[in-house]
């Protein structure tokens, strides 16, 4: 279970094609989306943008918890 997930902005238009989880390293977007859908990271959710799924932090007031700080 990850407490912090950072988007890498490594897609052609700056979208996250991978994410970095401290202590685990780089994870492909498709793998992380699958893990979040299986509730392996309960502080995060999946959103659909133009048919592509991305991981986002659940809303709270802590900027440090945002995927894209």
C-alpha atoms as a PDB file:
ATOM      1  CA  UNK A   1       0.000   0.000   0.000  1.00  0.00           C
ATOM      2  CA  UNK A   2       1.434   3.330  -1.080  1.00  0.00           C
ATOM      3  CA  UNK A   3       1.043   6.501   0.948  1.00  0.00           C
ATOM      4  CA  UNK A   4       2.633   8.684  -1.708  1.00  0.00           C
ATOM      5  CA  UNK A   5       2.527   8.272  -5.479  1.00  0.00           C
ATOM      6  CA  UNK A   6       4.199  10.725  -7.832  1.00  0.00           C
ATOM      7  CA  UNK A   7       3.214  11.175 -11.471  1.00  0.00           C
ATOM      8  CA  UNK A   8       6.205  11.237 -13.823  1.00  0.00           C
ATOM      9  CA  UNK A   9       4.676  13.432 -16.587  1.00  0.00           C
ATOM     10  CA  UNK A  10       6.536  11.246 -19.083  1.00  0.00           C
ATOM     11  CA  UNK A  11       3.888  11.059 -21.824  1.00  0.00           C
ATOM     12  CA  UNK A  12       4.085  12.968 -25.104  1.00  0.00           C
ATOM     13  CA  UNK A  13       1.828  15.739 -23.766  1.00  0.00           C
ATOM     14  CA  UNK A  14       3.024  15.608 -20.173  1.00  0.00           C
ATOM     15  CA  UNK A  15       0.510  12.995 -19.053  1.00  0.00           C
ATOM     16  CA  UNK A  16       1.579  10.291 -16.620  1.00  0.00           C
ATOM     17  CA  UNK A  17       2.556   7.116 -18.444  1.00  0.00           C
ATOM     18  CA  UNK A  18       4.276   5.934 -15.269  1.00  0.00           C
ATOM     19  CA  UNK A  19       4.306   6.786 -11.598  1.00  0.00           C
ATOM     20  CA  UNK A  20       6.972   6.584  -8.909  1.00  0.00           C
ATOM     21  CA  UNK A  21       6.189   5.022  -5.566  1.00  0.00           C
ATOM     22  CA  UNK A  22       8.876   5.807  -2.949  1.00  0.00           C
ATOM     23  CA  UNK A  23      10.587   2.596  -1.874  1.00  0.00           C
ATOM     24  CA  UNK A  24       9.211   0.695  -4.863  1.00  0.00           C
ATOM     25  CA  UNK A  25      10.314   2.673  -7.890  1.00  0.00           C
ATOM     26  CA  UNK A  26       8.671   3.314 -11.248  1.00  0.00           C
ATOM     27  CA  UNK A  27       5.362   1.589 -12.049  1.00  0.00           C
ATOM     28  CA  UNK A  28       3.607   1.677 -15.440  1.00  0.00           C
ATOM     29  CA  UNK A  29       0.271   3.474 -15.497  1.00  0.00           C
ATOM     30  CA  UNK A  30      -1.670   0.353 -16.520  1.00  0.00           C
ATOM     31  CA  UNK A  31      -0.225  -1.641 -13.613  1.00  0.00           C
ATOM     32  CA  UNK A  32      -0.954   1.088 -11.054  1.00  0.00           C
ATOM     33  CA  UNK A  33      -4.497   1.592 -12.364  1.00  0.00           C
ATOM     34  CA  UNK A  34      -5.087  -2.133 -11.926  1.00  0.00           C
ATOM     35  CA  UNK A  35      -3.719  -2.067  -8.374  1.00  0.00           C
ATOM     36  CA  UNK A  36      -5.859   0.932  -7.403  1.00  0.00           C
ATOM     37  CA  UNK A  37      -8.976  -0.735  -8.816  1.00  0.00           C
ATOM     38  CA  UNK A  38      -8.181  -3.742  -6.606  1.00  0.00           C
ATOM     39  CA  UNK A  39      -8.046  -1.351  -3.615  1.00  0.00           C
ATOM     40  CA  UNK A  40      -4.351  -2.000  -3.000  1.00  0.00           C
ATOM     41  CA  UNK A  41      -3.845   1.767  -2.543  1.00  0.00           C
ATOM     42  CA  UNK A  42      -6.964   2.968  -0.676  1.00  0.00           C
ATOM     43  CA  UNK A  43      -5.920   6.631  -0.597  1.00  0.00           C
ATOM     44  CA  UNK A  44      -6.100   6.813  -4.403  1.00  0.00           C
ATOM     45  CA  UNK A  45      -8.739   6.455  -7.122  1.00  0.00           C
ATOM     46  CA  UNK A  46      -8.900   6.076 -10.902  1.00  0.00           C
ATOM     47  CA  UNK A  47     -10.250   8.741 -13.244  1.00  0.00           C
ATOM     48  CA  UNK A  48     -11.043   8.510 -16.955  1.00  0.00           C
ATOM     49  CA  UNK A  49      -9.844  11.318 -19.199  1.00  0.00           C
ATOM     50  CA  UNK A  50     -10.770  10.933 -22.863  1.00  0.00           C
ATOM     51  CA  UNK A  51     -10.841   7.149 -22.579  1.00  0.00           C
ATOM     52  CA  UNK A  52      -7.530   6.892 -20.696  1.00  0.00           C
ATOM     53  CA  UNK A  53      -7.415   5.932 -17.020  1.00  0.00           C
ATOM     54  CA  UNK A  54      -5.125   7.724 -14.573  1.00  0.00           C
ATOM     55  CA  UNK A  55      -4.460   7.503 -10.852  1.00  0.00           C
ATOM     56  CA  UNK A  56      -5.275  10.430  -8.586  1.00  0.00           C
ATOM     57  CA  UNK A  57      -5.046  10.955  -4.841  1.00  0.00           C
ATOM     58  CA  UNK A  58      -8.286  11.076  -2.915  1.00  0.00           C
ATOM     59  CA  UNK A  59      -9.150  14.697  -2.096  1.00  0.00           C
ATOM     60  CA  UNK A  60      -7.815  16.281   1.052  1.00  0.00           C
ATOM     61  CA  UNK A  61      -6.177  19.585   1.912  1.00  0.00           C
ATOM     62  CA  UNK A  62      -2.556  18.345   1.933  1.00  0.00           C
ATOM     63  CA  UNK A  63      -0.694  19.429  -1.201  1.00  0.00           C
ATOM     64  CA  UNK A  64       2.021  16.850  -0.521  1.00  0.00           C
ATOM     65  CA  UNK A  65      -0.564  14.087  -1.040  1.00  0.00           C
ATOM     66  CA  UNK A  66      -1.389  15.161  -4.613  1.00  0.00           C
ATOM     67  CA  UNK A  67      -0.076  12.919  -7.403  1.00  0.00           C
ATOM     68  CA  UNK A  68       0.945  15.959  -9.487  1.00  0.00           C
ATOM     69  CA  UNK A  69       2.286  18.425  -6.908  1.00  0.00           C
END
